[in-house]
Every structure is written in structure tokens, then in C-alpha cells.
Amino acid sequence: MQPNADKYIQFIKQLKFSSIYVENIKAKRIPHIEFVEGAYTDFKLTKKGYEKISGNLWKVNTTLQFSAYTNKPRKNIIDITAKFVAIYESKIEFDDEIFDIFSSSNLMLNLWPYYRELFQSMTLRMGLPPYILPPLYLIPDKKSEEEKS
């Protein structure tokens, strides 16, 4: 990230988070299976992208998948897939280089509270204890830290 650090800092300083909404959601619960102690969960960001809407407005898409399952044998209790759209205002154009950095850091920090709320309320509405996603920790990889020194 070092050669582009100044460019990214300028981008982030002027970026404004405008709104967020769920564009599409698919949820499934297997009936008659209880969430028992020792159930496992998976949470994956499967797709992300961006496009210019008009003027300085940008649409950023993320699709997330959440599964809770029992082990031995693996049997899914619930599956939730949600596509979120975040609208940002930016005078600096998004490009693939900026978006790669943004989507693995600031984007996740901006959207994590919305993801947590959705999955917590969806599991409750599916008749299960509300599942609270853990806090998000973004830890720089060793390579980018070494590039700074």
C-alpha cells in the first residue's frame, strides 16, 4: 500500500457515507433442529463491487453469507444471504486500486454494525436465540507493515 498511501488518505478524507439498504435477502431455517451449544458458524463476504451512479455518488455492493450448523455430520441450521448497498459521495473517482484497499478496511468498518444487526434480528425472527456477530478486528498483514519501515 505504501506507493498509494497518500492517494488513499486523500480519498478517505473526502469520502462521505450517505446511506445503506438491503437490496436482496434470502433466509432459510431447517425446522426442528435446535441451536445447541457447540454449534458452528460461518460468515463470508462473497461479492463486492462498485459503480458510479451519477455526479459524485457511488454505489458499493457487498454480499454476505451467514450459516449456523451442527457438526458430525454437518447439518445447516440456518443460511442467510444478504446483498447490501452502500451509497457514498466522493469527488475522487473510485478505481480498482482504491476499492481493493477500501473494501478490506474502511468499508467493513462502516458496514459491520449493519451486518451485526441484520443477522442478530434475523436469527431471532427465525425462532432461534439472537446470534451476535463478534466485533470486527482489522489487523494489518505483516507485508504491509514491513513496507512502511
N, C-alpha and C. Protein backbone atom coordinates (compact mmCIF):
# COMPACT_ATOMS: atom_id res chain seq x y z
N MET A 1 0.83 -1.20 0.00
CA MET A 1 0.00 0.00 0.00
C MET A 1 0.86 1.26 0.00
N GLN A 2 2.12 1.17 0.32
CA GLN A 2 2.98 2.33 0.51
C GLN A 2 2.96 3.33 -0.66
N PRO A 3 3.18 2.90 -1.93
CA PRO A 3 3.20 3.89 -3.00
C PRO A 3 1.88 4.63 -3.16
N ASN A 4 0.76 4.03 -2.73
CA ASN A 4 -0.55 4.63 -2.90
C ASN A 4 -1.13 5.20 -1.61
N ALA A 5 -0.35 5.23 -0.56
CA ALA A 5 -0.87 5.66 0.75
C ALA A 5 -1.41 7.08 0.69
N ASP A 6 -0.69 8.00 0.08
CA ASP A 6 -1.15 9.39 0.00
C ASP A 6 -2.45 9.50 -0.79
N LYS A 7 -2.52 8.78 -1.89
CA LYS A 7 -3.73 8.78 -2.72
C LYS A 7 -4.93 8.26 -1.91
N TYR A 8 -4.71 7.19 -1.17
CA TYR A 8 -5.80 6.60 -0.39
C TYR A 8 -6.21 7.51 0.76
N ILE A 9 -5.25 8.12 1.42
CA ILE A 9 -5.56 9.04 2.52
C ILE A 9 -6.40 10.21 2.01
N GLN A 10 -6.04 10.77 0.85
CA GLN A 10 -6.84 11.85 0.27
C GLN A 10 -8.25 11.36 -0.04
N PHE A 11 -8.35 10.17 -0.57
CA PHE A 11 -9.65 9.59 -0.90
C PHE A 11 -10.53 9.46 0.35
N ILE A 12 -9.98 8.87 1.40
CA ILE A 12 -10.75 8.62 2.63
C ILE A 12 -11.16 9.92 3.32
N LYS A 13 -10.28 10.91 3.32
CA LYS A 13 -10.59 12.17 4.00
C LYS A 13 -11.80 12.88 3.41
N GLN A 14 -12.05 12.71 2.11
CA GLN A 14 -13.17 13.42 1.50
C GLN A 14 -14.41 12.55 1.29
N LEU A 15 -14.29 11.24 1.53
CA LEU A 15 -15.40 10.31 1.31
C LEU A 15 -16.51 10.52 2.34
N LYS A 16 -17.76 10.53 1.87
CA LYS A 16 -18.91 10.69 2.78
C LYS A 16 -19.85 9.49 2.60
N PHE A 17 -20.18 8.87 3.73
CA PHE A 17 -21.12 7.75 3.77
C PHE A 17 -22.52 8.34 3.75
N SER A 18 -23.29 8.04 2.72
CA SER A 18 -24.60 8.66 2.55
C SER A 18 -25.75 7.80 3.08
N SER A 19 -25.81 6.54 2.65
CA SER A 19 -26.90 5.67 3.10
C SER A 19 -26.56 4.21 2.86
N ILE A 20 -27.40 3.35 3.43
CA ILE A 20 -27.24 1.91 3.25
C ILE A 20 -28.62 1.27 3.23
N TYR A 21 -28.76 0.22 2.44
CA TYR A 21 -30.00 -0.55 2.44
C TYR A 21 -29.71 -1.99 2.03
N VAL A 22 -30.64 -2.87 2.39
CA VAL A 22 -30.56 -4.27 1.97
C VAL A 22 -31.30 -4.36 0.64
N GLU A 23 -30.59 -4.76 -0.41
CA GLU A 23 -31.20 -4.87 -1.73
C GLU A 23 -31.90 -6.22 -1.92
N ASN A 24 -31.33 -7.26 -1.33
CA ASN A 24 -31.86 -8.60 -1.51
C ASN A 24 -31.47 -9.44 -0.31
N ILE A 25 -32.39 -10.28 0.14
CA ILE A 25 -32.07 -11.17 1.26
C ILE A 25 -32.75 -12.52 1.04
N LYS A 26 -32.02 -13.56 1.36
CA LYS A 26 -32.55 -14.92 1.27
C LYS A 26 -32.22 -15.61 2.58
N ALA A 27 -33.23 -16.19 3.22
CA ALA A 27 -33.01 -16.83 4.52
C ALA A 27 -33.73 -18.17 4.55
N LYS A 28 -33.07 -19.15 5.16
CA LYS A 28 -33.66 -20.48 5.27
C LYS A 28 -33.29 -21.08 6.62
N ARG A 29 -34.29 -21.67 7.27
CA ARG A 29 -34.05 -22.38 8.52
C ARG A 29 -34.53 -23.81 8.36
N ILE A 30 -33.72 -24.74 8.81
CA ILE A 30 -34.13 -26.14 8.81
C ILE A 30 -35.01 -26.34 10.04
N PRO A 31 -36.27 -26.76 9.86
CA PRO A 31 -37.16 -26.90 11.01
C PRO A 31 -36.76 -28.06 11.92
N HIS A 32 -37.14 -27.93 13.15
CA HIS A 32 -36.98 -28.98 14.17
C HIS A 32 -35.53 -29.28 14.52
N ILE A 33 -34.64 -28.38 14.22
CA ILE A 33 -33.25 -28.54 14.66
C ILE A 33 -32.97 -27.36 15.58
N GLU A 34 -32.52 -27.63 16.76
CA GLU A 34 -32.26 -26.58 17.74
C GLU A 34 -30.81 -26.14 17.68
N PHE A 35 -30.62 -24.89 18.01
CA PHE A 35 -29.28 -24.33 18.16
C PHE A 35 -28.76 -24.87 19.48
N VAL A 36 -27.79 -25.73 19.44
CA VAL A 36 -27.26 -26.31 20.67
C VAL A 36 -25.87 -25.77 20.93
N GLU A 37 -25.45 -25.88 22.17
CA GLU A 37 -24.11 -25.45 22.50
C GLU A 37 -23.13 -26.24 21.64
N GLY A 38 -22.17 -25.55 21.09
CA GLY A 38 -21.21 -26.22 20.22
C GLY A 38 -21.56 -26.09 18.75
N ALA A 39 -22.64 -25.37 18.42
CA ALA A 39 -22.95 -25.14 17.02
C ALA A 39 -21.88 -24.23 16.44
N TYR A 40 -21.64 -24.37 15.16
CA TYR A 40 -20.60 -23.60 14.48
C TYR A 40 -21.24 -22.56 13.57
N THR A 41 -20.48 -21.54 13.24
CA THR A 41 -20.97 -20.51 12.33
C THR A 41 -19.91 -20.18 11.29
N ASP A 42 -20.39 -19.78 10.12
CA ASP A 42 -19.54 -19.26 9.05
C ASP A 42 -20.10 -17.91 8.65
N PHE A 43 -19.22 -16.98 8.36
CA PHE A 43 -19.61 -15.66 7.90
C PHE A 43 -18.64 -15.28 6.80
N LYS A 44 -19.15 -15.09 5.58
CA LYS A 44 -18.26 -14.83 4.44
C LYS A 44 -18.76 -13.64 3.63
N LEU A 45 -17.83 -12.80 3.25
CA LEU A 45 -18.09 -11.74 2.28
C LEU A 45 -17.80 -12.37 0.93
N THR A 46 -18.84 -12.61 0.13
CA THR A 46 -18.64 -13.37 -1.10
C THR A 46 -18.51 -12.52 -2.35
N LYS A 47 -19.09 -11.35 -2.36
CA LYS A 47 -19.01 -10.49 -3.55
C LYS A 47 -18.93 -9.04 -3.10
N LYS A 48 -18.21 -8.26 -3.87
CA LYS A 48 -18.18 -6.82 -3.62
C LYS A 48 -17.87 -6.12 -4.94
N GLY A 49 -18.40 -4.92 -5.07
CA GLY A 49 -18.18 -4.17 -6.29
C GLY A 49 -18.64 -2.74 -6.12
N TYR A 50 -18.36 -1.94 -7.13
CA TYR A 50 -18.73 -0.53 -7.08
C TYR A 50 -19.14 -0.06 -8.46
N GLU A 51 -19.95 0.99 -8.49
CA GLU A 51 -20.30 1.64 -9.76
C GLU A 51 -20.71 3.07 -9.48
N LYS A 52 -20.44 3.91 -10.45
CA LYS A 52 -20.83 5.32 -10.34
C LYS A 52 -22.32 5.43 -10.65
N ILE A 53 -23.04 6.13 -9.79
CA ILE A 53 -24.48 6.33 -10.02
C ILE A 53 -24.67 7.58 -10.86
N SER A 54 -24.20 8.70 -10.33
CA SER A 54 -24.26 9.98 -11.04
C SER A 54 -23.46 11.00 -10.25
N GLY A 55 -22.94 11.97 -10.95
CA GLY A 55 -22.17 13.02 -10.28
C GLY A 55 -21.10 12.44 -9.38
N ASN A 56 -21.20 12.75 -8.09
CA ASN A 56 -20.23 12.25 -7.10
C ASN A 56 -20.75 11.06 -6.30
N LEU A 57 -21.88 10.48 -6.70
CA LEU A 57 -22.46 9.37 -5.95
C LEU A 57 -22.00 8.02 -6.49
N TRP A 58 -21.64 7.15 -5.54
CA TRP A 58 -21.13 5.82 -5.87
C TRP A 58 -21.93 4.77 -5.11
N LYS A 59 -22.26 3.69 -5.81
CA LYS A 59 -22.97 2.55 -5.22
C LYS A 59 -21.94 1.46 -4.96
N VAL A 60 -21.88 0.99 -3.72
CA VAL A 60 -20.95 -0.08 -3.34
C VAL A 60 -21.79 -1.27 -2.89
N ASN A 61 -21.57 -2.42 -3.53
CA ASN A 61 -22.33 -3.64 -3.24
C ASN A 61 -21.49 -4.61 -2.43
N THR A 62 -22.11 -5.26 -1.47
CA THR A 62 -21.47 -6.37 -0.77
C THR A 62 -22.52 -7.46 -0.56
N THR A 63 -22.12 -8.69 -0.76
CA THR A 63 -23.00 -9.82 -0.49
C THR A 63 -22.36 -10.65 0.61
N LEU A 64 -23.14 -10.91 1.64
CA LEU A 64 -22.64 -11.67 2.79
C LEU A 64 -23.44 -12.93 2.98
N GLN A 65 -22.74 -13.97 3.39
CA GLN A 65 -23.39 -15.24 3.69
C GLN A 65 -23.11 -15.60 5.14
N PHE A 66 -24.17 -16.01 5.83
CA PHE A 66 -24.05 -16.44 7.21
C PHE A 66 -24.70 -17.81 7.32
N SER A 67 -24.00 -18.76 7.94
CA SER A 67 -24.54 -20.10 8.18
C SER A 67 -24.27 -20.50 9.62
N ALA A 68 -25.22 -21.19 10.20
CA ALA A 68 -25.01 -21.83 11.50
C ALA A 68 -25.29 -23.31 11.29
N TYR A 69 -24.43 -24.16 11.84
CA TYR A 69 -24.56 -25.59 11.57
C TYR A 69 -24.06 -26.43 12.73
N THR A 70 -24.56 -27.66 12.74
CA THR A 70 -24.07 -28.64 13.70
C THR A 70 -22.97 -29.43 13.00
N ASN A 71 -22.15 -30.06 13.79
CA ASN A 71 -21.04 -30.83 13.24
C ASN A 71 -21.26 -32.32 13.53
N LYS A 72 -20.69 -33.15 12.71
CA LYS A 72 -20.69 -34.63 12.88
C LYS A 72 -22.08 -35.21 12.87
N PRO A 73 -22.77 -35.34 11.81
CA PRO A 73 -22.41 -34.80 10.50
C PRO A 73 -22.82 -33.34 10.40
N ARG A 74 -22.19 -32.63 9.47
CA ARG A 74 -22.54 -31.23 9.29
C ARG A 74 -23.98 -31.13 8.78
N LYS A 75 -24.75 -30.31 9.48
CA LYS A 75 -26.13 -30.06 9.07
C LYS A 75 -26.43 -28.59 9.33
N ASN A 76 -26.73 -27.85 8.26
CA ASN A 76 -27.01 -26.43 8.41
C ASN A 76 -28.33 -26.22 9.15
N ILE A 77 -28.29 -25.32 10.12
CA ILE A 77 -29.48 -24.95 10.86
C ILE A 77 -30.13 -23.75 10.16
N ILE A 78 -29.31 -22.76 9.83
CA ILE A 78 -29.80 -21.59 9.11
C ILE A 78 -28.79 -21.16 8.06
N ASP A 79 -29.31 -20.58 7.00
CA ASP A 79 -28.49 -19.94 5.96
C ASP A 79 -29.14 -18.59 5.66
N ILE A 80 -28.33 -17.54 5.69
CA ILE A 80 -28.82 -16.20 5.36
C ILE A 80 -27.82 -15.60 4.38
N THR A 81 -28.33 -15.12 3.25
CA THR A 81 -27.50 -14.41 2.28
C THR A 81 -28.14 -13.04 2.08
N ALA A 82 -27.36 -11.99 2.23
CA ALA A 82 -27.89 -10.63 2.12
C ALA A 82 -26.98 -9.78 1.24
N LYS A 83 -27.61 -9.05 0.33
CA LYS A 83 -26.86 -8.10 -0.50
C LYS A 83 -27.15 -6.70 0.03
N PHE A 84 -26.11 -6.04 0.49
CA PHE A 84 -26.21 -4.68 0.99
C PHE A 84 -25.71 -3.71 -0.07
N VAL A 85 -26.32 -2.55 -0.13
CA VAL A 85 -25.86 -1.48 -0.99
C VAL A 85 -25.58 -0.27 -0.11
N ALA A 86 -24.37 0.25 -0.22
CA ALA A 86 -24.00 1.47 0.49
C ALA A 86 -23.78 2.56 -0.55
N ILE A 87 -24.28 3.74 -0.26
CA ILE A 87 -24.11 4.88 -1.16
C ILE A 87 -23.10 5.83 -0.52
N TYR A 88 -22.09 6.18 -1.30
CA TYR A 88 -21.04 7.09 -0.85
C TYR A 88 -20.98 8.28 -1.79
N GLU A 89 -20.57 9.41 -1.22
CA GLU A 89 -20.30 10.60 -2.02
C GLU A 89 -18.79 10.79 -2.05
N SER A 90 -18.24 10.89 -3.26
CA SER A 90 -16.80 11.05 -3.41
C SER A 90 -16.47 11.88 -4.64
N LYS A 91 -15.69 12.93 -4.43
CA LYS A 91 -15.22 13.75 -5.54
C LYS A 91 -14.07 13.06 -6.27
N ILE A 92 -13.38 12.18 -5.56
CA ILE A 92 -12.29 11.40 -6.16
C ILE A 92 -12.90 10.10 -6.68
N GLU A 93 -12.59 9.78 -7.94
CA GLU A 93 -13.14 8.58 -8.57
C GLU A 93 -12.67 7.31 -7.85
N PHE A 94 -13.59 6.37 -7.68
CA PHE A 94 -13.20 5.02 -7.26
C PHE A 94 -12.43 4.40 -8.42
N ASP A 95 -11.44 3.61 -8.11
CA ASP A 95 -10.81 2.76 -9.10
C ASP A 95 -10.50 1.43 -8.41
N ASP A 96 -10.05 0.45 -9.16
CA ASP A 96 -9.84 -0.88 -8.58
C ASP A 96 -8.81 -0.86 -7.46
N GLU A 97 -7.77 -0.07 -7.63
CA GLU A 97 -6.71 0.01 -6.62
C GLU A 97 -7.25 0.57 -5.29
N ILE A 98 -7.96 1.68 -5.37
CA ILE A 98 -8.56 2.29 -4.17
C ILE A 98 -9.61 1.35 -3.58
N PHE A 99 -10.43 0.76 -4.44
CA PHE A 99 -11.51 -0.10 -3.94
C PHE A 99 -10.97 -1.34 -3.22
N ASP A 100 -9.87 -1.90 -3.70
CA ASP A 100 -9.29 -3.07 -3.03
C ASP A 100 -8.91 -2.74 -1.59
N ILE A 101 -8.28 -1.59 -1.40
CA ILE A 101 -7.88 -1.17 -0.05
C ILE A 101 -9.13 -0.84 0.77
N PHE A 102 -10.02 -0.04 0.19
CA PHE A 102 -11.23 0.41 0.86
C PHE A 102 -12.11 -0.77 1.29
N SER A 103 -12.30 -1.74 0.40
CA SER A 103 -13.22 -2.84 0.69
C SER A 103 -12.70 -3.79 1.76
N SER A 104 -11.40 -3.79 1.99
CA SER A 104 -10.86 -4.67 3.03
C SER A 104 -10.62 -3.94 4.35
N SER A 105 -10.94 -2.66 4.40
CA SER A 105 -10.72 -1.92 5.65
C SER A 105 -11.93 -1.03 5.97
N ASN A 106 -11.94 0.17 5.46
CA ASN A 106 -12.97 1.14 5.82
C ASN A 106 -14.39 0.67 5.50
N LEU A 107 -14.57 0.02 4.37
CA LEU A 107 -15.91 -0.46 4.01
C LEU A 107 -16.44 -1.41 5.08
N MET A 108 -15.61 -2.34 5.50
CA MET A 108 -16.04 -3.30 6.53
C MET A 108 -16.33 -2.59 7.85
N LEU A 109 -15.51 -1.61 8.20
CA LEU A 109 -15.77 -0.86 9.44
C LEU A 109 -17.09 -0.09 9.36
N ASN A 110 -17.39 0.48 8.19
CA ASN A 110 -18.63 1.23 8.01
C ASN A 110 -19.86 0.33 8.09
N LEU A 111 -19.77 -0.86 7.51
CA LEU A 111 -20.95 -1.70 7.36
C LEU A 111 -21.14 -2.75 8.45
N TRP A 112 -20.09 -3.04 9.21
CA TRP A 112 -20.18 -4.11 10.21
C TRP A 112 -21.36 -3.95 11.17
N PRO A 113 -21.66 -2.75 11.70
CA PRO A 113 -22.82 -2.63 12.60
C PRO A 113 -24.14 -3.03 11.92
N TYR A 114 -24.28 -2.75 10.63
CA TYR A 114 -25.49 -3.11 9.90
C TYR A 114 -25.57 -4.63 9.71
N TYR A 115 -24.44 -5.25 9.40
CA TYR A 115 -24.40 -6.71 9.27
C TYR A 115 -24.79 -7.36 10.60
N ARG A 116 -24.19 -6.87 11.68
CA ARG A 116 -24.45 -7.45 13.01
C ARG A 116 -25.93 -7.37 13.36
N GLU A 117 -26.52 -6.20 13.13
CA GLU A 117 -27.93 -6.01 13.48
C GLU A 117 -28.81 -6.93 12.64
N LEU A 118 -28.54 -7.03 11.34
CA LEU A 118 -29.37 -7.87 10.48
C LEU A 118 -29.31 -9.33 10.91
N PHE A 119 -28.12 -9.87 11.10
CA PHE A 119 -28.01 -11.28 11.43
C PHE A 119 -28.55 -11.58 12.83
N GLN A 120 -28.40 -10.64 13.74
CA GLN A 120 -28.96 -10.83 15.08
C GLN A 120 -30.49 -10.86 15.02
N SER A 121 -31.09 -9.91 14.33
CA SER A 121 -32.56 -9.87 14.28
C SER A 121 -33.13 -11.00 13.42
N MET A 122 -32.42 -11.40 12.37
CA MET A 122 -32.91 -12.50 11.53
C MET A 122 -32.92 -13.82 12.29
N THR A 123 -31.87 -14.11 13.05
CA THR A 123 -31.87 -15.37 13.80
C THR A 123 -32.99 -15.37 14.84
N LEU A 124 -33.25 -14.24 15.45
CA LEU A 124 -34.35 -14.13 16.41
C LEU A 124 -35.69 -14.37 15.72
N ARG A 125 -35.88 -13.76 14.56
CA ARG A 125 -37.13 -13.93 13.81
C ARG A 125 -37.31 -15.35 13.28
N MET A 126 -36.21 -16.08 13.20
CA MET A 126 -36.27 -17.48 12.74
C MET A 126 -36.51 -18.44 13.90
N GLY A 127 -36.77 -17.87 15.09
CA GLY A 127 -37.10 -18.69 16.25
C GLY A 127 -35.90 -19.25 16.98
N LEU A 128 -34.75 -18.64 16.77
CA LEU A 128 -33.52 -19.08 17.42
C LEU A 128 -33.02 -17.97 18.33
N PRO A 129 -32.13 -18.29 19.24
CA PRO A 129 -31.53 -17.22 20.04
C PRO A 129 -30.83 -16.22 19.12
N PRO A 130 -30.91 -14.93 19.42
CA PRO A 130 -30.25 -13.95 18.56
C PRO A 130 -28.74 -14.20 18.53
N TYR A 131 -28.21 -14.35 17.33
CA TYR A 131 -26.77 -14.59 17.19
C TYR A 131 -26.08 -13.24 17.02
N ILE A 132 -25.17 -12.93 17.91
CA ILE A 132 -24.46 -11.66 17.86
C ILE A 132 -23.09 -11.90 17.26
N LEU A 133 -22.87 -11.30 16.08
CA LEU A 133 -21.55 -11.42 15.46
C LEU A 133 -20.52 -10.75 16.35
N PRO A 134 -19.33 -11.29 16.39
CA PRO A 134 -18.29 -10.69 17.23
C PRO A 134 -17.85 -9.34 16.68
N PRO A 135 -17.15 -8.55 17.49
CA PRO A 135 -16.61 -7.29 16.99
C PRO A 135 -15.66 -7.57 15.82
N LEU A 136 -15.52 -6.58 14.97
CA LEU A 136 -14.63 -6.70 13.82
C LEU A 136 -13.26 -6.17 14.19
N TYR A 137 -12.25 -6.97 13.96
CA TYR A 137 -10.86 -6.56 14.19
C TYR A 137 -10.13 -6.59 12.86
N LEU A 138 -9.62 -5.46 12.44
CA LEU A 138 -8.83 -5.40 11.21
C LEU A 138 -7.37 -5.33 11.61
N ILE A 139 -6.64 -6.37 11.28
CA ILE A 139 -5.24 -6.46 11.64
C ILE A 139 -4.42 -6.39 10.37
N PRO A 140 -3.53 -5.39 10.24
CA PRO A 140 -2.71 -5.29 9.03
C PRO A 140 -1.84 -6.54 8.87
N ASP A 141 -1.67 -6.95 7.62
CA ASP A 141 -0.79 -8.09 7.41
C ASP A 141 0.66 -7.67 7.56
N LYS A 142 1.53 -8.64 7.79
CA LYS A 142 2.94 -8.34 8.05
C LYS A 142 3.60 -7.67 6.86
N LYS A 143 3.21 -8.05 5.64
CA LYS A 143 3.82 -7.49 4.45
C LYS A 143 3.63 -5.98 4.37
N SER A 144 2.39 -5.50 4.60
CA SER A 144 2.15 -4.06 4.52
C SER A 144 2.85 -3.32 5.66
N GLU A 145 2.98 -3.94 6.82
CA GLU A 145 3.71 -3.32 7.93
C GLU A 145 5.20 -3.22 7.62
N GLU A 146 5.76 -4.24 6.97
CA GLU A 146 7.17 -4.23 6.61
C GLU A 146 7.46 -3.18 5.55
N GLU A 147 6.49 -2.95 4.63
CA GLU A 147 6.67 -1.95 3.59
C GLU A 147 6.77 -0.54 4.18
N LYS A 148 6.12 -0.31 5.32
CA LYS A 148 6.16 1.01 5.95
C LYS A 148 7.53 1.33 6.54
N SER A 149 8.29 0.29 6.96
CA SER A 149 9.57 0.55 7.60
C SER A 149 10.70 0.67 6.62
